[in-house]
Amino acid sequence: MMQGENTNRVNSFFKKLGSAANHERRVMLLCMALSLVVWFFVKMSNNYESRGSLRLNYQLPTGRVFAEQPMSSLPFKFAGSGWKLLKMSLLRQNPSLSFNLSAASSQVIFRSDISRKIEDELHLQLLELGQDNLTIRLDSLQSRKLPIELDTAISYENGYFFRDNIVIRPDSVEVFGATQLLNSLNSVKTAPLKMECPEKDFSIILTLLNPHPDLLQLSVDKAEVFMPVEQYTEKKLTIPVMVLNERDSVRLLPGTVELECVVGLSRFNDLTPNDFRVVAVLDNENPTPIVPLTLVRQPSWVKSARFSPQAVEYLIVQ
């Protein structure tokens, strides 16, 4: 009995000893954590140097546009508190500044202006800047109506062609920007269209390509392109040759040519020899009795017109 009581006392002693050790360990860990928190706050309150990209935004006065694109960002070196740098890192955003511009055609934003705005708005200290001063050039806002130009690369190997002109709606676009830039443009192109010629009437919406998206604005950004299409086939015709500069009675040998062309099925029966004109231009200084022939007229909707022979003999009839 006595031995059991002694054993219980020993076990109770070691339990108390272990409990005291755990308590001391917890207190020590708490002190270390508090020390770490204090150290972190002290470190984050200090200033540190860093590098980044400074985004630049500009507020234009009414009726003014950029004559040339200004710089939109600048590399810079700066100093700031650890808290500020941590926030910038977490947000993953480059710091930015906005400048209200005057109506002057040329104006300068000095380094001192940028430094002051960095301190007042970003709460950072500027140490280095990729460019000391920024020169901004403005012009009056003007507009000009330009035709829309279709940028196409179409294959016709399947025997189908356009039976009429391609239609673009709208066929022109109002462009807004600086006068000098507008005067350098002749048209506004569509996005490239590469395809084999369709086998039936075809329509598609194409995006208009702004040649200077940072400096110009378009009244519309898309256009509808309509292509009237049909199958073409070959047709042969006999065409009489007309003589020009004829001073005497002249006889041509032969007096006609055989013409081959490609025409749409819808106009196949409408096409006649009168739609073409092949001429022989006589030259009195030409010592040979042979004159070349020229095709001077054909319908716009006819493809690949060719004729034979390319030259004829002529005789002067007394």
Protein backbone atom coordinates (compact mmCIF):
# COMPACT_ATOMS: atom_id res chain seq x y z
CA MET A 1 0.00 0.00 0.00
CA MET A 2 2.81 2.33 0.95
CA GLN A 3 4.62 1.55 -2.27
CA GLY A 4 1.56 2.50 -4.39
CA GLU A 5 1.20 5.87 -2.68
CA ASN A 6 4.85 6.67 -3.34
CA THR A 7 4.43 5.79 -6.98
CA ASN A 8 1.43 8.12 -7.33
CA ARG A 9 3.36 10.96 -5.72
CA VAL A 10 6.24 10.50 -8.18
CA ASN A 11 3.89 10.45 -11.18
CA SER A 12 2.10 13.56 -9.93
CA PHE A 13 5.41 15.38 -9.54
CA PHE A 14 6.51 14.64 -13.11
CA LYS A 15 3.13 15.71 -14.50
CA LYS A 16 3.44 19.05 -12.74
CA LEU A 17 6.99 19.39 -14.01
CA GLY A 18 5.88 18.65 -17.60
CA SER A 19 2.98 21.10 -17.34
CA ALA A 20 5.31 23.84 -16.16
CA ALA A 21 7.70 23.12 -19.05
CA ASN A 22 4.86 23.34 -21.60
CA HIS A 23 3.74 26.61 -20.12
CA GLU A 24 7.22 28.07 -20.36
CA ARG A 25 7.48 26.85 -23.96
CA ARG A 26 4.19 28.54 -24.87
CA VAL A 27 5.27 31.78 -23.24
CA MET A 28 8.57 31.66 -25.12
CA LEU A 29 6.83 31.06 -28.48
CA LEU A 30 4.41 33.92 -27.81
CA CYS A 31 7.29 36.25 -27.05
CA MET A 32 9.04 35.21 -30.25
CA ALA A 33 5.88 35.85 -32.28
CA LEU A 34 5.40 39.29 -30.73
CA SER A 35 9.03 40.09 -31.45
CA LEU A 36 8.59 39.00 -35.07
CA VAL A 37 5.49 41.17 -35.45
CA VAL A 38 7.28 44.18 -34.00
CA TRP A 39 10.29 43.53 -36.25
CA PHE A 40 8.01 43.23 -39.32
CA PHE A 41 6.20 46.50 -38.56
CA VAL A 42 9.50 48.30 -37.99
CA LYS A 43 10.93 46.98 -41.26
CA MET A 44 7.80 47.84 -43.24
CA SER A 45 7.91 51.38 -41.90
CA ASN A 46 11.37 51.92 -43.39
CA ASN A 47 11.93 53.30 -46.92
CA TYR A 48 13.25 51.09 -49.73
CA GLU A 49 14.31 51.70 -53.32
CA SER A 50 12.72 49.99 -56.30
CA ARG A 51 12.33 50.29 -60.08
CA GLY A 52 9.21 50.16 -62.21
CA SER A 53 7.25 51.70 -65.08
CA LEU A 54 5.29 54.91 -64.61
CA ARG A 55 2.11 55.06 -66.71
CA LEU A 56 1.21 58.50 -68.11
CA ASN A 57 -2.35 59.62 -68.88
CA TYR A 58 -3.33 62.92 -70.53
CA GLN A 59 -6.55 64.90 -70.36
CA LEU A 60 -7.08 66.77 -73.64
CA PRO A 61 -8.98 70.07 -73.87
CA THR A 62 -12.10 70.13 -76.03
CA GLY A 63 -11.39 70.37 -79.76
CA ARG A 64 -7.72 69.33 -79.49
CA VAL A 65 -5.99 66.08 -80.45
CA PHE A 66 -2.45 64.75 -80.39
CA ALA A 67 -0.40 65.75 -83.43
CA GLU A 68 1.96 62.91 -82.53
CA GLN A 69 1.62 60.15 -79.98
CA PRO A 70 3.17 61.17 -76.63
CA MET A 71 4.99 58.74 -74.37
CA SER A 72 2.58 56.53 -72.47
CA SER A 73 5.06 55.24 -69.89
CA LEU A 74 8.48 55.94 -68.45
CA PRO A 75 10.93 53.74 -66.53
CA PHE A 76 11.72 55.25 -63.14
CA LYS A 77 13.51 54.53 -59.87
CA PHE A 78 11.74 55.49 -56.67
CA ALA A 79 11.75 55.10 -52.91
CA GLY A 80 8.83 54.40 -50.64
CA SER A 81 7.79 52.72 -47.42
CA GLY A 82 7.68 48.96 -47.23
CA TRP A 83 3.91 49.12 -46.84
CA LYS A 84 3.58 51.11 -50.06
CA LEU A 85 5.83 48.78 -52.03
CA LEU A 86 4.02 45.72 -50.65
CA LYS A 87 0.66 47.13 -51.74
CA MET A 88 1.99 47.85 -55.24
CA SER A 89 3.37 44.32 -55.48
CA LEU A 90 0.14 42.68 -54.33
CA LEU A 91 -2.01 44.73 -56.72
CA ARG A 92 0.44 44.15 -59.59
CA GLN A 93 -0.32 47.60 -60.97
CA ASN A 94 2.12 50.09 -62.37
CA PRO A 95 1.75 53.51 -60.71
CA SER A 96 0.14 56.11 -62.99
CA LEU A 97 -0.18 59.89 -63.24
CA SER A 98 -2.66 62.07 -65.13
CA PHE A 99 -1.85 65.48 -66.62
CA ASN A 100 -4.36 68.13 -67.67
CA LEU A 101 -3.09 69.65 -70.93
CA SER A 102 -3.68 73.18 -72.16
CA ALA A 103 -4.78 74.11 -75.70
CA ALA A 104 -1.25 75.18 -76.69
CA SER A 105 0.16 73.51 -79.79
CA SER A 106 3.38 72.67 -78.00
CA GLN A 107 3.85 72.27 -74.25
CA VAL A 108 6.40 70.71 -71.92
CA ILE A 109 5.90 68.66 -68.76
CA PHE A 110 9.03 69.16 -66.70
CA ARG A 111 10.72 66.64 -64.43
CA SER A 112 9.92 68.81 -61.43
CA ASP A 113 6.19 68.57 -62.26
CA ILE A 114 6.40 64.80 -62.49
CA SER A 115 8.40 64.55 -59.24
CA ARG A 116 5.90 66.72 -57.38
CA LYS A 117 2.92 64.67 -58.58
CA ILE A 118 4.70 61.44 -57.64
CA GLU A 119 5.17 62.73 -54.10
CA ASP A 120 1.69 64.26 -53.72
CA GLU A 121 -0.40 61.55 -55.42
CA LEU A 122 1.63 58.35 -55.18
CA HIS A 123 3.44 59.13 -51.90
CA LEU A 124 6.73 58.03 -53.41
CA GLN A 125 10.08 59.76 -53.83
CA LEU A 126 11.43 60.06 -57.38
CA LEU A 127 15.09 59.05 -57.65
CA GLU A 128 15.59 58.53 -61.40
CA LEU A 129 13.43 59.13 -64.48
CA GLY A 130 13.84 57.68 -67.95
CA GLN A 131 13.40 61.14 -69.52
CA ASP A 132 13.64 64.48 -67.79
CA ASN A 133 11.05 66.45 -69.79
CA LEU A 134 8.08 65.46 -71.96
CA THR A 135 7.16 67.50 -75.03
CA ILE A 136 3.49 67.30 -76.05
CA ARG A 137 2.30 68.49 -79.47
CA LEU A 138 -1.39 69.13 -80.13
CA ASP A 139 -3.44 70.03 -83.18
CA SER A 140 -7.03 71.03 -83.88
CA LEU A 141 -9.55 68.22 -84.16
CA GLN A 142 -10.58 67.83 -87.80
CA SER A 143 -12.52 65.26 -89.80
CA ARG A 144 -12.22 63.85 -93.30
CA LYS A 145 -14.36 61.41 -95.27
CA LEU A 146 -12.29 58.60 -96.75
CA PRO A 147 -13.29 55.70 -99.02
CA ILE A 148 -13.20 52.18 -97.61
CA GLU A 149 -10.72 49.98 -99.46
CA LEU A 150 -11.31 46.22 -99.58
CA ASP A 151 -8.14 44.20 -98.90
CA THR A 152 -8.73 40.89 -100.68
CA ALA A 153 -6.83 37.96 -102.10
CA ILE A 154 -9.41 35.79 -103.89
CA SER A 155 -8.70 32.73 -106.02
CA TYR A 156 -10.84 32.14 -109.13
CA GLU A 157 -9.70 28.61 -109.95
CA ASN A 158 -13.17 27.14 -109.44
CA GLY A 159 -14.62 28.87 -112.50
CA TYR A 160 -16.69 31.42 -110.57
CA PHE A 161 -16.24 35.20 -110.81
CA PHE A 162 -18.02 38.36 -109.77
CA ARG A 163 -20.82 39.20 -112.18
CA ASP A 164 -20.72 42.84 -111.05
CA ASN A 165 -18.76 45.19 -108.83
CA ILE A 166 -18.26 44.28 -105.18
CA VAL A 167 -20.48 46.46 -102.97
CA ILE A 168 -19.22 47.90 -99.66
CA ARG A 169 -21.73 49.37 -97.20
CA PRO A 170 -20.92 52.00 -96.12
CA ASP A 171 -18.47 52.83 -98.88
CA SER A 172 -16.76 55.57 -96.85
CA VAL A 173 -15.96 56.44 -93.24
CA GLU A 174 -15.55 59.71 -91.33
CA VAL A 175 -12.09 59.91 -89.75
CA PHE A 176 -11.32 62.31 -86.88
CA GLY A 177 -7.83 63.45 -85.96
CA ALA A 178 -5.05 65.96 -86.56
CA THR A 179 -5.05 67.77 -89.93
CA GLN A 180 -1.56 66.71 -90.98
CA LEU A 181 -2.24 63.07 -90.23
CA LEU A 182 -5.60 63.10 -92.03
CA ASN A 183 -3.99 64.61 -95.15
CA SER A 184 -1.54 61.70 -95.31
CA LEU A 185 -4.34 59.15 -95.75
CA ASN A 186 -6.09 58.13 -98.99
CA SER A 187 -8.38 55.38 -97.70
CA VAL A 188 -9.21 53.11 -94.77
CA LYS A 189 -8.65 49.41 -95.40
CA THR A 190 -10.70 46.47 -94.24
CA ALA A 191 -9.22 43.48 -92.48
CA PRO A 192 -7.61 41.13 -95.05
CA LEU A 193 -9.97 38.65 -96.73
CA LYS A 194 -8.42 35.53 -98.29
CA MET A 195 -10.70 32.94 -99.85
CA GLU A 196 -11.66 31.00 -102.98
CA CYS A 197 -14.34 32.77 -104.94
CA PRO A 198 -17.74 31.64 -103.57
CA GLU A 199 -20.18 29.85 -105.85
CA LYS A 200 -23.15 32.06 -104.98
CA ASP A 201 -23.83 35.59 -103.79
CA PHE A 202 -21.79 36.15 -100.64
CA SER A 203 -21.91 38.69 -97.82
CA ILE A 204 -19.50 39.23 -94.93
CA ILE A 205 -18.87 41.81 -92.18
CA LEU A 206 -15.25 43.02 -92.04
CA THR A 207 -13.52 45.12 -89.42
CA LEU A 208 -12.01 48.43 -90.53
CA LEU A 209 -8.33 48.84 -89.70
CA ASN A 210 -7.53 52.13 -87.99
CA PRO A 211 -4.07 53.11 -89.35
CA HIS A 212 -3.29 55.08 -86.16
CA PRO A 213 -5.56 53.82 -83.37
CA ASP A 214 -3.91 56.06 -80.76
CA LEU A 215 -4.36 59.22 -82.84
CA LEU A 216 -7.45 58.71 -85.01
CA GLN A 217 -11.09 57.84 -84.47
CA LEU A 218 -13.41 56.23 -87.04
CA SER A 219 -17.12 56.95 -87.27
CA VAL A 220 -17.77 53.23 -87.87
CA ASP A 221 -15.54 50.25 -87.20
CA LYS A 222 -17.10 47.64 -89.52
CA ALA A 223 -18.39 47.41 -93.08
CA GLU A 224 -20.57 44.90 -94.92
CA VAL A 225 -19.11 43.49 -98.14
CA PHE A 226 -21.51 42.02 -100.73
CA MET A 227 -20.14 39.94 -103.61
CA PRO A 228 -22.47 39.13 -106.57
CA VAL A 229 -21.15 35.84 -107.91
CA GLU A 230 -21.90 33.50 -110.81
CA GLN A 231 -20.27 30.82 -112.90
CA TYR A 232 -18.35 31.89 -116.00
CA THR A 233 -17.80 30.05 -119.27
CA GLU A 234 -15.89 30.61 -122.52
CA LYS A 235 -17.44 32.18 -125.60
CA LYS A 236 -16.03 32.62 -129.12
CA LEU A 237 -16.92 35.48 -131.46
CA THR A 238 -15.85 36.73 -134.90
CA ILE A 239 -14.99 40.44 -134.70
CA PRO A 240 -14.49 42.71 -137.77
CA VAL A 241 -11.34 44.82 -137.75
CA MET A 242 -11.74 48.62 -137.99
CA VAL A 243 -9.08 50.66 -139.81
CA LEU A 244 -7.85 53.97 -138.37
CA ASN A 245 -5.83 56.65 -140.21
CA GLU A 246 -7.07 55.30 -143.52
CA ARG A 247 -6.07 57.67 -146.36
CA ASP A 248 -6.59 55.34 -149.28
CA SER A 249 -8.83 52.40 -149.96
CA VAL A 250 -7.36 49.60 -147.88
CA ARG A 251 -8.10 45.93 -147.77
CA LEU A 252 -7.12 43.87 -144.72
CA LEU A 253 -6.09 40.25 -144.96
CA PRO A 254 -7.87 38.86 -142.99
CA GLY A 255 -10.56 41.44 -142.21
CA THR A 256 -11.77 39.70 -139.05
CA VAL A 257 -10.30 38.10 -135.93
CA GLU A 258 -11.46 35.20 -133.79
CA LEU A 259 -11.96 36.37 -130.22
CA GLU A 260 -12.24 34.15 -127.16
CA CYS A 261 -13.39 35.47 -123.80
CA VAL A 262 -14.85 34.34 -120.48
CA VAL A 263 -18.33 35.59 -119.64
CA GLY A 264 -20.92 34.98 -116.93
CA LEU A 265 -23.78 32.62 -117.71
CA SER A 266 -26.37 35.36 -117.09
CA ARG A 267 -24.89 37.50 -119.92
CA PHE A 268 -23.73 34.76 -122.26
CA ASN A 269 -26.51 35.30 -124.79
CA ASP A 270 -26.34 39.09 -124.51
CA LEU A 271 -22.71 39.31 -125.63
CA THR A 272 -22.33 40.18 -129.36
CA PRO A 273 -19.48 41.21 -131.67
CA ASN A 274 -20.68 44.82 -131.40
CA ASP A 275 -19.54 44.84 -127.76
CA PHE A 276 -15.91 44.66 -128.92
CA ARG A 277 -13.75 46.82 -131.10
CA VAL A 278 -10.48 45.68 -132.68
CA VAL A 279 -8.57 48.34 -134.65
CA ALA A 280 -5.67 48.50 -137.07
CA VAL A 281 -3.81 51.83 -136.96
CA LEU A 282 -2.09 52.50 -140.27
CA ASP A 283 1.29 54.20 -140.25
CA ASN A 284 2.45 55.62 -143.57
CA GLU A 285 6.06 55.45 -142.41
CA ASN A 286 5.86 51.72 -141.83
CA PRO A 287 7.62 50.09 -144.80
CA THR A 288 6.08 46.64 -144.22
CA PRO A 289 2.49 45.79 -145.26
CA ILE A 290 1.74 44.34 -141.83
CA VAL A 291 -0.13 46.22 -139.11
CA PRO A 292 -0.62 45.11 -135.47
CA LEU A 293 -4.13 44.96 -134.02
CA THR A 294 -5.38 46.40 -130.75
CA LEU A 295 -8.47 45.58 -128.70
CA VAL A 296 -9.75 49.02 -127.66
CA ARG A 297 -13.20 48.20 -126.32
CA GLN A 298 -14.76 45.37 -124.35
CA PRO A 299 -17.42 45.15 -121.61
CA SER A 300 -16.08 45.45 -118.06
CA TRP A 301 -17.81 42.20 -117.08
CA VAL A 302 -15.91 40.14 -119.67
CA LYS A 303 -12.80 38.26 -118.51
CA SER A 304 -9.66 37.16 -120.35
CA ALA A 305 -10.46 38.47 -123.83
CA ARG A 306 -7.88 37.42 -126.41
CA PHE A 307 -7.94 37.31 -130.19
CA SER A 308 -6.08 35.89 -133.14
CA PRO A 309 -4.37 36.86 -135.34
CA GLN A 310 -2.52 39.68 -133.55
CA ALA A 311 -1.57 41.37 -136.84
CA VAL A 312 -2.87 41.48 -140.39
CA GLU A 313 -1.62 42.41 -143.87
CA TYR A 314 -3.09 45.31 -145.72
CA LEU A 315 -3.32 46.14 -149.43
CA ILE A 316 -3.92 49.55 -150.93
CA VAL A 317 -6.67 49.26 -153.48
CA GLN A 318 -6.29 51.63 -156.45
